[in-house]
Amino acid sequence: EKASHEAVEYARQFDDPVIVLENLSYIRENLDYGAYMNR
């Protein structure tokens, strides 16, 4: 909650902001860095 609030407040300081996010619908399936890092 706090981090998302700070991110939007950061965007509001610019003129006519458009926030761009990555499509992370399947991020869990894409991650494969070994058992420890995956966990």
Full PDB file with SEQRES, HELIX, SHEET, SSBOND, CRYST1, ORIGX, SCALE, CONECT and MASTER records, all heavy atoms in Angstrom:
SEQRES   1 A   39  GLU LYS ALA SER HIS GLU ALA VAL GLU TYR ALA ARG GLN          
SEQRES   2 A   39  PHE ASP ASP PRO VAL ILE VAL LEU GLU ASN LEU SER TYR          
SEQRES   3 A   39  ILE ARG GLU ASN LEU ASP TYR GLY ALA TYR MET ASN ARG          
HELIX    1 AA1 LYS A    2  ARG A   12  1                                  11    
HELIX    2 AA2 ILE A   27  ASN A   30  1                                   4    
HELIX    3 AA3 ALA A   35  ASN A   38  1                                   4    
CRYST1    1.000    1.000    1.000  90.00  90.00  90.00 P 1           1          
ORIGX1      1.000000  0.000000  0.000000        0.00000                         
ORIGX2      0.000000  1.000000  0.000000        0.00000                         
ORIGX3      0.000000  0.000000  1.000000        0.00000                         
SCALE1      1.000000  0.000000  0.000000        0.00000                         
SCALE2      0.000000  1.000000  0.000000        0.00000                         
SCALE3      0.000000  0.000000  1.000000        0.00000                         
ATOM      1  N   GLU A   1       0.821  -1.210   0.000  1.00  0.00           N  
ATOM      2  CA  GLU A   1       0.000   0.000   0.000  1.00  0.00           C  
ATOM      3  C   GLU A   1       0.858   1.264   0.000  1.00  0.00           C  
ATOM      4  O   GLU A   1       0.596   2.211  -0.746  1.00  0.00           O  
ATOM      5  CB  GLU A   1      -0.927  -0.008   1.221  1.00  0.00           C  
ATOM      6  CG  GLU A   1      -2.018  -1.067   1.163  1.00  0.00           C  
ATOM      7  CD  GLU A   1      -2.919  -0.883  -0.036  1.00  0.00           C  
ATOM      8  OE1 GLU A   1      -3.393   0.253  -0.263  1.00  0.00           O  
ATOM      9  OE2 GLU A   1      -3.135  -1.860  -0.771  1.00  0.00           O  
ATOM     10  N   LYS A   2       1.876   1.299   0.827  1.00  0.00           N  
ATOM     11  CA  LYS A   2       2.720   2.484   0.913  1.00  0.00           C  
ATOM     12  C   LYS A   2       3.542   2.688  -0.360  1.00  0.00           C  
ATOM     13  O   LYS A   2       3.687   3.809  -0.847  1.00  0.00           O  
ATOM     14  CB  LYS A   2       3.637   2.384   2.128  1.00  0.00           C  
ATOM     15  CG  LYS A   2       2.898   2.482   3.459  1.00  0.00           C  
ATOM     16  CD  LYS A   2       3.842   2.342   4.641  1.00  0.00           C  
ATOM     17  CE  LYS A   2       3.082   2.486   5.955  1.00  0.00           C  
ATOM     18  NZ  LYS A   2       3.953   2.294   7.140  1.00  0.00           N  
ATOM     19  N   ALA A   3       4.078   1.584  -0.910  1.00  0.00           N  
ATOM     20  CA  ALA A   3       4.906   1.704  -2.106  1.00  0.00           C  
ATOM     21  C   ALA A   3       4.071   2.127  -3.312  1.00  0.00           C  
ATOM     22  O   ALA A   3       4.498   2.967  -4.113  1.00  0.00           O  
ATOM     23  CB  ALA A   3       5.604   0.376  -2.396  1.00  0.00           C  
ATOM     24  N   SER A   4       2.877   1.578  -3.458  1.00  0.00           N  
ATOM     25  CA  SER A   4       2.019   1.950  -4.584  1.00  0.00           C  
ATOM     26  C   SER A   4       1.573   3.408  -4.474  1.00  0.00           C  
ATOM     27  O   SER A   4       1.480   4.117  -5.482  1.00  0.00           O  
ATOM     28  CB  SER A   4       0.807   1.021  -4.667  1.00  0.00           C  
ATOM     29  OG  SER A   4       0.063   1.023  -3.460  1.00  0.00           O  
ATOM     30  N   HIS A   5       1.316   3.871  -3.245  1.00  0.00           N  
ATOM     31  CA  HIS A   5       0.963   5.272  -3.041  1.00  0.00           C  
ATOM     32  C   HIS A   5       2.122   6.181  -3.454  1.00  0.00           C  
ATOM     33  O   HIS A   5       1.922   7.197  -4.140  1.00  0.00           O  
ATOM     34  CB  HIS A   5       0.606   5.518  -1.578  1.00  0.00           C  
ATOM     35  CG  HIS A   5       0.379   6.963  -1.239  1.00  0.00           C  
ATOM     36  ND1 HIS A   5      -0.782   7.631  -1.570  1.00  0.00           N  
ATOM     37  CD2 HIS A   5       1.177   7.885  -0.620  1.00  0.00           C  
ATOM     38  CE1 HIS A   5      -0.704   8.889  -1.161  1.00  0.00           C  
ATOM     39  NE2 HIS A   5       0.474   9.070  -0.587  1.00  0.00           N  
ATOM     40  N   GLU A   6       3.333   5.820  -3.055  1.00  0.00           N  
ATOM     41  CA  GLU A   6       4.500   6.635  -3.396  1.00  0.00           C  
ATOM     42  C   GLU A   6       4.732   6.662  -4.898  1.00  0.00           C  
ATOM     43  O   GLU A   6       5.108   7.697  -5.466  1.00  0.00           O  
ATOM     44  CB  GLU A   6       5.737   6.093  -2.685  1.00  0.00           C  
ATOM     45  CG  GLU A   6       6.976   6.953  -2.882  1.00  0.00           C  
ATOM     46  CD  GLU A   6       8.158   6.496  -2.039  1.00  0.00           C  
ATOM     47  OE1 GLU A   6       7.974   5.621  -1.169  1.00  0.00           O  
ATOM     48  OE2 GLU A   6       9.259   7.036  -2.256  1.00  0.00           O  
ATOM     49  N   ALA A   7       4.480   5.521  -5.570  1.00  0.00           N  
ATOM     50  CA  ALA A   7       4.673   5.472  -7.017  1.00  0.00           C  
ATOM     51  C   ALA A   7       3.719   6.418  -7.741  1.00  0.00           C  
ATOM     52  O   ALA A   7       4.118   7.146  -8.661  1.00  0.00           O  
ATOM     53  CB  ALA A   7       4.473   4.037  -7.511  1.00  0.00           C  
ATOM     54  N   VAL A   8       2.447   6.426  -7.326  1.00  0.00           N  
ATOM     55  CA  VAL A   8       1.470   7.302  -7.985  1.00  0.00           C  
ATOM     56  C   VAL A   8       1.767   8.767  -7.675  1.00  0.00           C  
ATOM     57  O   VAL A   8       1.648   9.637  -8.547  1.00  0.00           O  
ATOM     58  CB  VAL A   8       0.042   6.917  -7.558  1.00  0.00           C  
ATOM     59  CG1 VAL A   8      -0.975   7.917  -8.095  1.00  0.00           C  
ATOM     60  CG2 VAL A   8      -0.289   5.516  -8.059  1.00  0.00           C  
ATOM     61  N   GLU A   9       2.180   9.063  -6.441  1.00  0.00           N  
ATOM     62  CA  GLU A   9       2.545  10.441  -6.110  1.00  0.00           C  
ATOM     63  C   GLU A   9       3.743  10.902  -6.933  1.00  0.00           C  
ATOM     64  O   GLU A   9       3.835  12.066  -7.331  1.00  0.00           O  
ATOM     65  CB  GLU A   9       2.848  10.554  -4.609  1.00  0.00           C  
ATOM     66  CG  GLU A   9       1.619  10.459  -3.727  1.00  0.00           C  
ATOM     67  CD  GLU A   9       0.593  11.534  -4.056  1.00  0.00           C  
ATOM     68  OE1 GLU A   9       0.959  12.732  -4.069  1.00  0.00           O  
ATOM     69  OE2 GLU A   9      -0.573  11.170  -4.329  1.00  0.00           O  
ATOM     70  N   TYR A  10       4.669   9.985  -7.185  1.00  0.00           N  
ATOM     71  CA  TYR A  10       5.815  10.313  -8.042  1.00  0.00           C  
ATOM     72  C   TYR A  10       5.340  10.685  -9.443  1.00  0.00           C  
ATOM     73  O   TYR A  10       5.802  11.667 -10.037  1.00  0.00           O  
ATOM     74  CB  TYR A  10       6.755   9.105  -8.103  1.00  0.00           C  
ATOM     75  CG  TYR A  10       7.771   9.140  -9.213  1.00  0.00           C  
ATOM     76  CD1 TYR A  10       8.891   9.955  -9.147  1.00  0.00           C  
ATOM     77  CD2 TYR A  10       7.601   8.330 -10.348  1.00  0.00           C  
ATOM     78  CE1 TYR A  10       9.822   9.971 -10.178  1.00  0.00           C  
ATOM     79  CE2 TYR A  10       8.524   8.347 -11.377  1.00  0.00           C  
ATOM     80  CZ  TYR A  10       9.638   9.163 -11.288  1.00  0.00           C  
ATOM     81  OH  TYR A  10      10.559   9.194 -12.305  1.00  0.00           O  
ATOM     82  N   ALA A  11       4.391   9.919  -9.974  1.00  0.00           N  
ATOM     83  CA  ALA A  11       3.897  10.187 -11.324  1.00  0.00           C  
ATOM     84  C   ALA A  11       3.162  11.521 -11.406  1.00  0.00           C  
ATOM     85  O   ALA A  11       3.226  12.216 -12.427  1.00  0.00           O  
ATOM     86  CB  ALA A  11       2.976   9.057 -11.778  1.00  0.00           C  
ATOM     87  N   ARG A  12       2.487  11.894 -10.328  1.00  0.00           N  
ATOM     88  CA  ARG A  12       1.664  13.108 -10.350  1.00  0.00           C  
ATOM     89  C   ARG A  12       2.484  14.390 -10.468  1.00  0.00           C  
ATOM     90  O   ARG A  12       1.948  15.439 -10.836  1.00  0.00           O  
ATOM     91  CB  ARG A  12       0.806  13.170  -9.088  1.00  0.00           C  
ATOM     92  CG  ARG A  12      -0.262  12.108  -9.049  1.00  0.00           C  
ATOM     93  CD  ARG A  12      -1.066  12.144  -7.781  1.00  0.00           C  
ATOM     94  NE  ARG A  12      -1.858  13.372  -7.666  1.00  0.00           N  
ATOM     95  CZ  ARG A  12      -2.935  13.482  -6.921  1.00  0.00           C  
ATOM     96  NH1 ARG A  12      -3.374  12.453  -6.223  1.00  0.00           N  
ATOM     97  NH2 ARG A  12      -3.591  14.617  -6.860  1.00  0.00           N  
ATOM     98  N   GLN A  13       3.775  14.324 -10.195  1.00  0.00           N  
ATOM     99  CA  GLN A  13       4.585  15.542 -10.265  1.00  0.00           C  
ATOM    100  C   GLN A  13       4.864  15.971 -11.706  1.00  0.00           C  
ATOM    101  O   GLN A  13       5.282  17.101 -11.941  1.00  0.00           O  
ATOM    102  CB  GLN A  13       5.908  15.338  -9.528  1.00  0.00           C  
ATOM    103  CG  GLN A  13       6.866  14.375 -10.224  1.00  0.00           C  
ATOM    104  CD  GLN A  13       8.172  14.204  -9.499  1.00  0.00           C  
ATOM    105  OE1 GLN A  13       8.923  15.163  -9.363  1.00  0.00           O  
ATOM    106  NE2 GLN A  13       8.425  13.005  -9.005  1.00  0.00           N  
ATOM    107  N   PHE A  14       4.603  15.081 -12.671  1.00  0.00           N  
ATOM    108  CA  PHE A  14       4.901  15.390 -14.064  1.00  0.00           C  
ATOM    109  C   PHE A  14       3.634  15.873 -14.783  1.00  0.00           C  
ATOM    110  O   PHE A  14       2.513  15.528 -14.405  1.00  0.00           O  
ATOM    111  CB  PHE A  14       5.459  14.151 -14.778  1.00  0.00           C  
ATOM    112  CG  PHE A  14       6.747  13.659 -14.186  1.00  0.00           C  
ATOM    113  CD1 PHE A  14       6.757  12.585 -13.306  1.00  0.00           C  
ATOM    114  CD2 PHE A  14       7.950  14.273 -14.486  1.00  0.00           C  
ATOM    115  CE1 PHE A  14       7.931  12.129 -12.744  1.00  0.00           C  
ATOM    116  CE2 PHE A  14       9.140  13.830 -13.935  1.00  0.00           C  
ATOM    117  CZ  PHE A  14       9.129  12.757 -13.058  1.00  0.00           C  
ATOM    118  N   ASP A  15       3.834  16.646 -15.834  1.00  0.00           N  
ATOM    119  CA  ASP A  15       2.722  17.132 -16.638  1.00  0.00           C  
ATOM    120  C   ASP A  15       2.142  15.989 -17.471  1.00  0.00           C  
ATOM    121  O   ASP A  15       2.890  15.262 -18.140  1.00  0.00           O  
ATOM    122  CB  ASP A  15       3.178  18.253 -17.568  1.00  0.00           C  
ATOM    123  CG  ASP A  15       3.579  19.511 -16.805  1.00  0.00           C  
ATOM    124  OD1 ASP A  15       3.082  19.693 -15.683  1.00  0.00           O  
ATOM    125  OD2 ASP A  15       4.420  20.277 -17.333  1.00  0.00           O  
ATOM    126  N   ASP A  16       0.823  15.842 -17.424  1.00  0.00           N  
ATOM    127  CA  ASP A  16       0.104  14.851 -18.234  1.00  0.00           C  
ATOM    128  C   ASP A  16       0.753  13.471 -18.165  1.00  0.00           C  
ATOM    129  O   ASP A  16       1.165  12.895 -19.188  1.00  0.00           O  
ATOM    130  CB  ASP A  16       0.043  15.321 -19.696  1.00  0.00           C  
ATOM    131  CG  ASP A  16      -0.585  16.693 -19.814  1.00  0.00           C  
ATOM    132  OD1 ASP A  16      -1.681  16.886 -19.255  1.00  0.00           O  
ATOM    133  OD2 ASP A  16       0.031  17.574 -20.449  1.00  0.00           O  
ATOM    134  N   PRO A  17       0.854  12.883 -16.965  1.00  0.00           N  
ATOM    135  CA  PRO A  17       1.531  11.590 -16.825  1.00  0.00           C  
ATOM    136  C   PRO A  17       0.702  10.434 -17.374  1.00  0.00           C  
ATOM    137  O   PRO A  17      -0.534  10.439 -17.320  1.00  0.00           O  
ATOM    138  CB  PRO A  17       1.700  11.466 -15.307  1.00  0.00           C  
ATOM    139  CG  PRO A  17       0.538  12.229 -14.744  1.00  0.00           C  
ATOM    140  CD  PRO A  17       0.330  13.382 -15.686  1.00  0.00           C  
ATOM    141  N   VAL A  18       1.385   9.440 -17.920  1.00  0.00           N  
ATOM    142  CA  VAL A  18       0.796   8.156 -18.307  1.00  0.00           C  
ATOM    143  C   VAL A  18       1.684   7.078 -17.700  1.00  0.00           C  
ATOM    144  O   VAL A  18       2.872   6.994 -18.025  1.00  0.00           O  
ATOM    145  CB  VAL A  18       0.718   7.985 -19.832  1.00  0.00           C  
ATOM    146  CG1 VAL A  18       0.204   6.580 -20.172  1.00  0.00           C  
ATOM    147  CG2 VAL A  18      -0.187   9.034 -20.449  1.00  0.00           C  
ATOM    148  N   ILE A  19       1.128   6.282 -16.804  1.00  0.00           N  
ATOM    149  CA  ILE A  19       1.901   5.220 -16.154  1.00  0.00           C  
ATOM    150  C   ILE A  19       1.966   4.002 -17.072  1.00  0.00           C  
ATOM    151  O   ILE A  19       0.951   3.590 -17.644  1.00  0.00           O  
ATOM    152  CB  ILE A  19       1.275   4.846 -14.795  1.00  0.00           C  
ATOM    153  CG1 ILE A  19       1.510   5.986 -13.799  1.00  0.00           C  
ATOM    154  CG2 ILE A  19       1.839   3.536 -14.264  1.00  0.00           C  
ATOM    155  CD1 ILE A  19       0.869   5.753 -12.443  1.00  0.00           C  
ATOM    156  N   VAL A  20       3.151   3.431 -17.197  1.00  0.00           N  
ATOM    157  CA  VAL A  20       3.366   2.264 -18.054  1.00  0.00           C  
ATOM    158  C   VAL A  20       3.819   1.096 -17.180  1.00  0.00           C  
ATOM    159  O   VAL A  20       4.820   1.205 -16.464  1.00  0.00           O  
ATOM    160  CB  VAL A  20       4.413   2.545 -19.151  1.00  0.00           C  
ATOM    161  CG1 VAL A  20       4.462   1.375 -20.128  1.00  0.00           C  
ATOM    162  CG2 VAL A  20       4.106   3.845 -19.875  1.00  0.00           C  
ATOM    163  N   LEU A  21       3.071   0.004 -17.232  1.00  0.00           N  
ATOM    164  CA  LEU A  21       3.367  -1.185 -16.441  1.00  0.00           C  
ATOM    165  C   LEU A  21       3.571  -2.381 -17.367  1.00  0.00           C  
ATOM    166  O   LEU A  21       3.036  -2.422 -18.473  1.00  0.00           O  
ATOM    167  CB  LEU A  21       2.221  -1.498 -15.470  1.00  0.00           C  
ATOM    168  CG  LEU A  21       1.855  -0.408 -14.468  1.00  0.00           C  
ATOM    169  CD1 LEU A  21       0.584  -0.792 -13.714  1.00  0.00           C  
ATOM    170  CD2 LEU A  21       3.002  -0.183 -13.481  1.00  0.00           C  
ATOM    171  N   GLU A  22       4.327  -3.339 -16.880  1.00  0.00           N  
ATOM    172  CA  GLU A  22       4.504  -4.575 -17.631  1.00  0.00           C  
ATOM    173  C   GLU A  22       3.310  -5.501 -17.413  1.00  0.00           C  
ATOM    174  O   GLU A  22       2.684  -5.498 -16.354  1.00  0.00           O  
ATOM    175  CB  GLU A  22       5.781  -5.293 -17.187  1.00  0.00           C  
ATOM    176  CG  GLU A  22       7.040  -4.561 -17.566  1.00  0.00           C  
ATOM    177  CD  GLU A  22       8.278  -5.289 -17.087  1.00  0.00           C  
ATOM    178  OE1 GLU A  22       8.322  -5.660 -15.901  1.00  0.00           O  
ATOM    179  OE2 GLU A  22       9.183  -5.485 -17.885  1.00  0.00           O  
ATOM    180  N   ASN A  23       3.006  -6.302 -18.421  1.00  0.00           N  
ATOM    181  CA  ASN A  23       1.970  -7.316 -18.298  1.00  0.00           C  
ATOM    182  C   ASN A  23       2.572  -8.523 -17.587  1.00  0.00           C  
ATOM    183  O   ASN A  23       3.346  -9.275 -18.166  1.00  0.00           O  
ATOM    184  CB  ASN A  23       1.458  -7.712 -19.683  1.00  0.00           C  
ATOM    185  CG  ASN A  23       0.329  -8.723 -19.619  1.00  0.00           C  
ATOM    186  OD1 ASN A  23       0.021  -9.247 -18.552  1.00  0.00           O  
ATOM    187  ND2 ASN A  23      -0.267  -9.002 -20.753  1.00  0.00           N  
ATOM    188  N   LEU A  24       2.201  -8.705 -16.327  1.00  0.00           N  
ATOM    189  CA  LEU A  24       2.791  -9.771 -15.511  1.00  0.00           C  
ATOM    190  C   LEU A  24       1.806 -10.916 -15.254  1.00  0.00           C  
ATOM    191  O   LEU A  24       1.887 -11.599 -14.250  1.00  0.00           O  
ATOM    192  CB  LEU A  24       3.261  -9.200 -14.171  1.00  0.00           C  
ATOM    193  CG  LEU A  24       4.331  -8.117 -14.252  1.00  0.00           C  
ATOM    194  CD1 LEU A  24       4.721  -7.654 -12.857  1.00  0.00           C  
ATOM    195  CD2 LEU A  24       5.554  -8.618 -14.999  1.00  0.00           C  
ATOM    196  N   SER A  25       0.878 -11.140 -16.183  1.00  0.00           N  
ATOM    197  CA  SER A  25      -0.158 -12.147 -15.964  1.00  0.00           C  
ATOM    198  C   SER A  25       0.414 -13.517 -15.652  1.00  0.00           C  
ATOM    199  O   SER A  25      -0.150 -14.276 -14.873  1.00  0.00           O  
ATOM    200  CB  SER A  25      -1.059 -12.246 -17.207  1.00  0.00           C  
ATOM    201  OG  SER A  25      -1.680 -11.014 -17.467  1.00  0.00           O  
ATOM    202  N   TYR A  26       1.550 -13.844 -16.268  1.00  0.00           N  
ATOM    203  CA  TYR A  26       2.083 -15.195 -16.092  1.00  0.00           C  
ATOM    204  C   TYR A  26       3.506 -15.165 -15.539  1.00  0.00           C  
ATOM    205  O   TYR A  26       4.317 -16.013 -15.856  1.00  0.00           O  
ATOM    206  CB  TYR A  26       2.060 -15.949 -17.424  1.00  0.00           C  
ATOM    207  CG  TYR A  26       0.670 -16.229 -17.909  1.00  0.00           C  
ATOM    208  CD1 TYR A  26      -0.005 -15.297 -18.673  1.00  0.00           C  
ATOM    209  CD2 TYR A  26       0.020 -17.406 -17.565  1.00  0.00           C  
ATOM    210  CE1 TYR A  26      -1.305 -15.539 -19.106  1.00  0.00           C  
ATOM    211  CE2 TYR A  26      -1.265 -17.660 -17.994  1.00  0.00           C  
ATOM    212  CZ  TYR A  26      -1.921 -16.732 -18.772  1.00  0.00           C  
ATOM    213  OH  TYR A  26      -3.191 -16.979 -19.192  1.00  0.00           O  
ATOM    214  N   ILE A  27       3.788 -14.190 -14.681  1.00  0.00           N  
ATOM    215  CA  ILE A  27       5.154 -14.045 -14.191  1.00  0.00           C  
ATOM    216  C   ILE A  27       5.608 -15.267 -13.409  1.00  0.00           C  
ATOM    217  O   ILE A  27       6.754 -15.672 -13.455  1.00  0.00           O  
ATOM    218  CB  ILE A  27       5.319 -12.770 -13.342  1.00  0.00           C  
ATOM    219  CG1 ILE A  27       6.806 -12.543 -13.034  1.00  0.00           C  
ATOM    220  CG2 ILE A  27       4.519 -12.831 -12.061  1.00  0.00           C  
ATOM    221  CD1 ILE A  27       7.090 -11.187 -12.441  1.00  0.00           C  
ATOM    222  N   ARG A  28       4.723 -15.927 -12.658  1.00  0.00           N  
ATOM    223  CA  ARG A  28       5.128 -17.090 -11.869  1.00  0.00           C  
ATOM    224  C   ARG A  28       5.626 -18.201 -12.774  1.00  0.00           C  
ATOM    225  O   ARG A  28       6.590 -18.885 -12.476  1.00  0.00           O  
ATOM    226  CB  ARG A  28       3.966 -17.579 -11.010  1.00  0.00           C  
ATOM    227  CG  ARG A  28       3.632 -16.691  -9.850  1.00  0.00           C  
ATOM    228  CD  ARG A  28       2.379 -17.178  -9.154  1.00  0.00           C  
ATOM    229  NE  ARG A  28       2.556 -18.505  -8.602  1.00  0.00           N  
ATOM    230  CZ  ARG A  28       3.091 -18.753  -7.408  1.00  0.00           C  
ATOM    231  NH1 ARG A  28       3.511 -17.766  -6.663  1.00  0.00           N  
ATOM    232  NH2 ARG A  28       3.209 -19.977  -6.965  1.00  0.00           N  
ATOM    233  N   GLU A  29       4.943 -18.396 -13.924  1.00  0.00           N  
ATOM    234  CA  GLU A  29       5.350 -19.450 -14.820  1.00  0.00           C  
ATOM    235  C   GLU A  29       6.642 -19.110 -15.554  1.00  0.00           C  
ATOM    236  O   GLU A  29       7.376 -19.979 -15.984  1.00  0.00           O  
ATOM    237  CB  GLU A  29       4.234 -19.740 -15.835  1.00  0.00           C  
ATOM    238  CG  GLU A  29       3.033 -20.454 -15.248  1.00  0.00           C  
ATOM    239  CD  GLU A  29       2.121 -19.533 -14.462  1.00  0.00           C  
ATOM    240  OE1 GLU A  29       2.335 -18.300 -14.496  1.00  0.00           O  
ATOM    241  OE2 GLU A  29       1.200 -20.038 -13.805  1.00  0.00           O  
ATOM    242  N   ASN A  30       6.922 -17.819 -15.727  1.00  0.00           N  
ATOM    243  CA  ASN A  30       8.116 -17.408 -16.464  1.00  0.00           C  
ATOM    244  C   ASN A  30       9.374 -17.445 -15.617  1.00  0.00           C  
ATOM    245  O   ASN A  30      10.469 -17.488 -16.144  1.00  0.00           O  
ATOM    246  CB  ASN A  30       7.932 -15.988 -17.005  1.00  0.00           C  
ATOM    247  CG  ASN A  30       7.047 -15.977 -18.235  1.00  0.00           C  
ATOM    248  OD1 ASN A  30       7.041 -16.923 -19.003  1.00  0.00           O  
ATOM    249  ND2 ASN A  30       6.298 -14.914 -18.407  1.00  0.00           N  
ATOM    250  N   LEU A  31       9.246 -17.376 -14.301  1.00  0.00           N  
ATOM    251  CA  LEU A  31      10.415 -17.321 -13.438  1.00  0.00           C  
ATOM    252  C   LEU A  31      11.046 -18.702 -13.315  1.00  0.00           C  
ATOM    253  O   LEU A  31      10.387 -19.668 -12.957  1.00  0.00           O  
ATOM    254  CB  LEU A  31      10.030 -16.817 -12.047  1.00  0.00           C  
ATOM    255  CG  LEU A  31       9.590 -15.351 -11.976  1.00  0.00           C  
ATOM    256  CD1 LEU A  31       9.065 -15.037 -10.592  1.00  0.00           C  
ATOM    257  CD2 LEU A  31      10.736 -14.432 -12.328  1.00  0.00           C  
ATOM    258  N   ASP A  32      12.326 -18.788 -13.605  1.00  0.00           N  
ATOM    259  CA  ASP A  32      13.027 -20.054 -13.466  1.00  0.00           C  
ATOM    260  C   ASP A  32      14.493 -19.764 -13.188  1.00  0.00           C  
ATOM    261  O   ASP A  32      15.328 -19.793 -14.072  1.00  0.00           O  
ATOM    262  CB  ASP A  32      12.886 -20.911 -14.725  1.00  0.00           C  
ATOM    263  CG  ASP A  32      13.541 -22.272 -14.551  1.00  0.00           C  
ATOM    264  OD1 ASP A  32      13.767 -22.674 -13.391  1.00  0.00           O  
ATOM    265  OD2 ASP A  32      13.836 -22.924 -15.569  1.00  0.00           O  
ATOM    266  N   TYR A  33      14.801 -19.450 -11.928  1.00  0.00           N  
ATOM    267  CA  TYR A  33      16.158 -19.118 -11.530  1.00  0.00           C  
ATOM    268  C   TYR A  33      16.713 -20.143 -10.538  1.00  0.00           C  
ATOM    269  O   TYR A  33      17.625 -19.859  -9.792  1.00  0.00           O  
ATOM    270  CB  TYR A  33      16.191 -17.726 -10.890  1.00  0.00           C  
ATOM    271  CG  TYR A  33      15.648 -16.629 -11.768  1.00  0.00           C  
ATOM    272  CD1 TYR A  33      14.723 -15.724 -11.275  1.00  0.00           C  
ATOM    273  CD2 TYR A  33      16.070 -16.504 -13.082  1.00  0.00           C  
ATOM    274  CE1 TYR A  33      14.232 -14.699 -12.084  1.00  0.00           C  
ATOM    275  CE2 TYR A  33      15.583 -15.491 -13.899  1.00  0.00           C  
ATOM    276  CZ  TYR A  33      14.674 -14.593 -13.395  1.00  0.00           C  
ATOM    277  OH  TYR A  33      14.180 -13.593 -14.181  1.00  0.00           O  
ATOM    278  N   GLY A  34      16.147 -21.328 -10.510  1.00  0.00           N  
ATOM    279  CA  GLY A  34      16.562 -22.314  -9.531  1.00  0.00           C  
ATOM    280  C   GLY A  34      15.629 -22.314  -8.335  1.00  0.00           C  
ATOM    281  O   GLY A  34      14.900 -21.365  -8.078  1.00  0.00           O  
ATOM    282  N   ALA A  35      15.652 -23.411  -7.566  1.00  0.00           N  
ATOM    283  CA  ALA A  35      14.676 -23.613  -6.491  1.00  0.00           C  
ATOM    284  C   ALA A  35      14.718 -22.496  -5.446  1.00  0.00           C  
ATOM    285  O   ALA A  35      13.676 -21.995  -5.024  1.00  0.00           O  
ATOM    286  CB  ALA A  35      14.919 -24.967  -5.829  1.00  0.00           C  
ATOM    287  N   TYR A  36      15.919 -22.097  -5.010  1.00  0.00           N  
ATOM    288  CA  TYR A  36      16.015 -21.099  -3.941  1.00  0.00           C  
ATOM    289  C   TYR A  36      15.479 -19.750  -4.400  1.00  0.00           C  
ATOM    290  O   TYR A  36      14.639 -19.135  -3.732  1.00  0.00           O  
ATOM    291  CB  TYR A  36      17.466 -20.957  -3.487  1.00  0.00           C  
ATOM    292  CG  TYR A  36      17.685 -19.820  -2.514  1.00  0.00           C  
ATOM    293  CD1 TYR A  36      17.168 -19.892  -1.222  1.00  0.00           C  
ATOM    294  CD2 TYR A  36      18.396 -18.686  -2.890  1.00  0.00           C  
ATOM    295  CE1 TYR A  36      17.354 -18.845  -0.324  1.00  0.00           C  
ATOM    296  CE2 TYR A  36      18.590 -17.638  -1.998  1.00  0.00           C  
ATOM    297  CZ  TYR A  36      18.066 -17.731  -0.718  1.00  0.00           C  
ATOM    298  OH  TYR A  36      18.249 -16.692   0.160  1.00  0.00           O  
ATOM    299  N   MET A  37      15.942 -19.275  -5.573  1.00  0.00           N  
ATOM    300  CA  MET A  37      15.488 -17.978  -6.051  1.00  0.00           C  
ATOM    301  C   MET A  37      14.020 -18.009  -6.433  1.00  0.00           C  
ATOM    302  O   MET A  37      13.278 -17.051  -6.187  1.00  0.00           O  
ATOM    303  CB  MET A  37      16.336 -17.534  -7.250  1.00  0.00           C  
ATOM    304  CG  MET A  37      16.038 -16.113  -7.716  1.00  0.00           C  
ATOM    305  SD  MET A  37      16.294 -14.872  -6.429  1.00  0.00           S  
ATOM    306  CE  MET A  37      18.076 -14.934  -6.255  1.00  0.00           C  
ATOM    307  N   ASN A  38      13.556 -19.114  -7.021  1.00  0.00           N  
ATOM    308  CA  ASN A  38      12.136 -19.220  -7.362  1.00  0.00           C  
ATOM    309  C   ASN A  38      11.279 -19.090  -6.115  1.00  0.00           C  
ATOM    310  O   ASN A  38      10.250 -18.416  -6.114  1.00  0.00           O  
ATOM    311  CB  ASN A  38      11.847 -20.558  -8.031  1.00  0.00           C  
ATOM    312  CG  ASN A  38      12.189 -20.539  -9.506  1.00  0.00           C  
ATOM    313  OD1 ASN A  38      12.400 -19.483 -10.082  1.00  0.00           O  
ATOM    314  ND2 ASN A  38      12.246 -21.704 -10.111  1.00  0.00           N  
ATOM    315  N   ARG A  39      11.675 -19.751  -5.041  1.00  0.00           N  
ATOM    316  CA  ARG A  39      10.879 -19.679  -3.811  1.00  0.00           C  
ATOM    317  C   ARG A  39      10.792 -18.253  -3.298  1.00  0.00           C  
ATOM    318  O   ARG A  39       9.742 -17.776  -2.864  1.00  0.00           O  
ATOM    319  CB  ARG A  39      11.497 -20.590  -2.749  1.00  0.00           C  
ATOM    320  CG  ARG A  39      10.667 -20.745  -1.483  1.00  0.00           C  
ATOM    321  CD  ARG A  39      11.233 -19.936  -0.331  1.00  0.00           C  
ATOM    322  NE  ARG A  39      12.548 -20.379   0.019  1.00  0.00           N  
ATOM    323  CZ  ARG A  39      13.342 -19.698   0.848  1.00  0.00           C  
ATOM    324  NH1 ARG A  39      12.955 -18.540   1.342  1.00  0.00           N  
ATOM    325  NH2 ARG A  39      14.538 -20.139   1.134  1.00  0.00           N  
TER     326      ARG A  39                                                      
MASTER        0    0    0    3    0    0    0    6  325    1    0    3          
END                                                                             
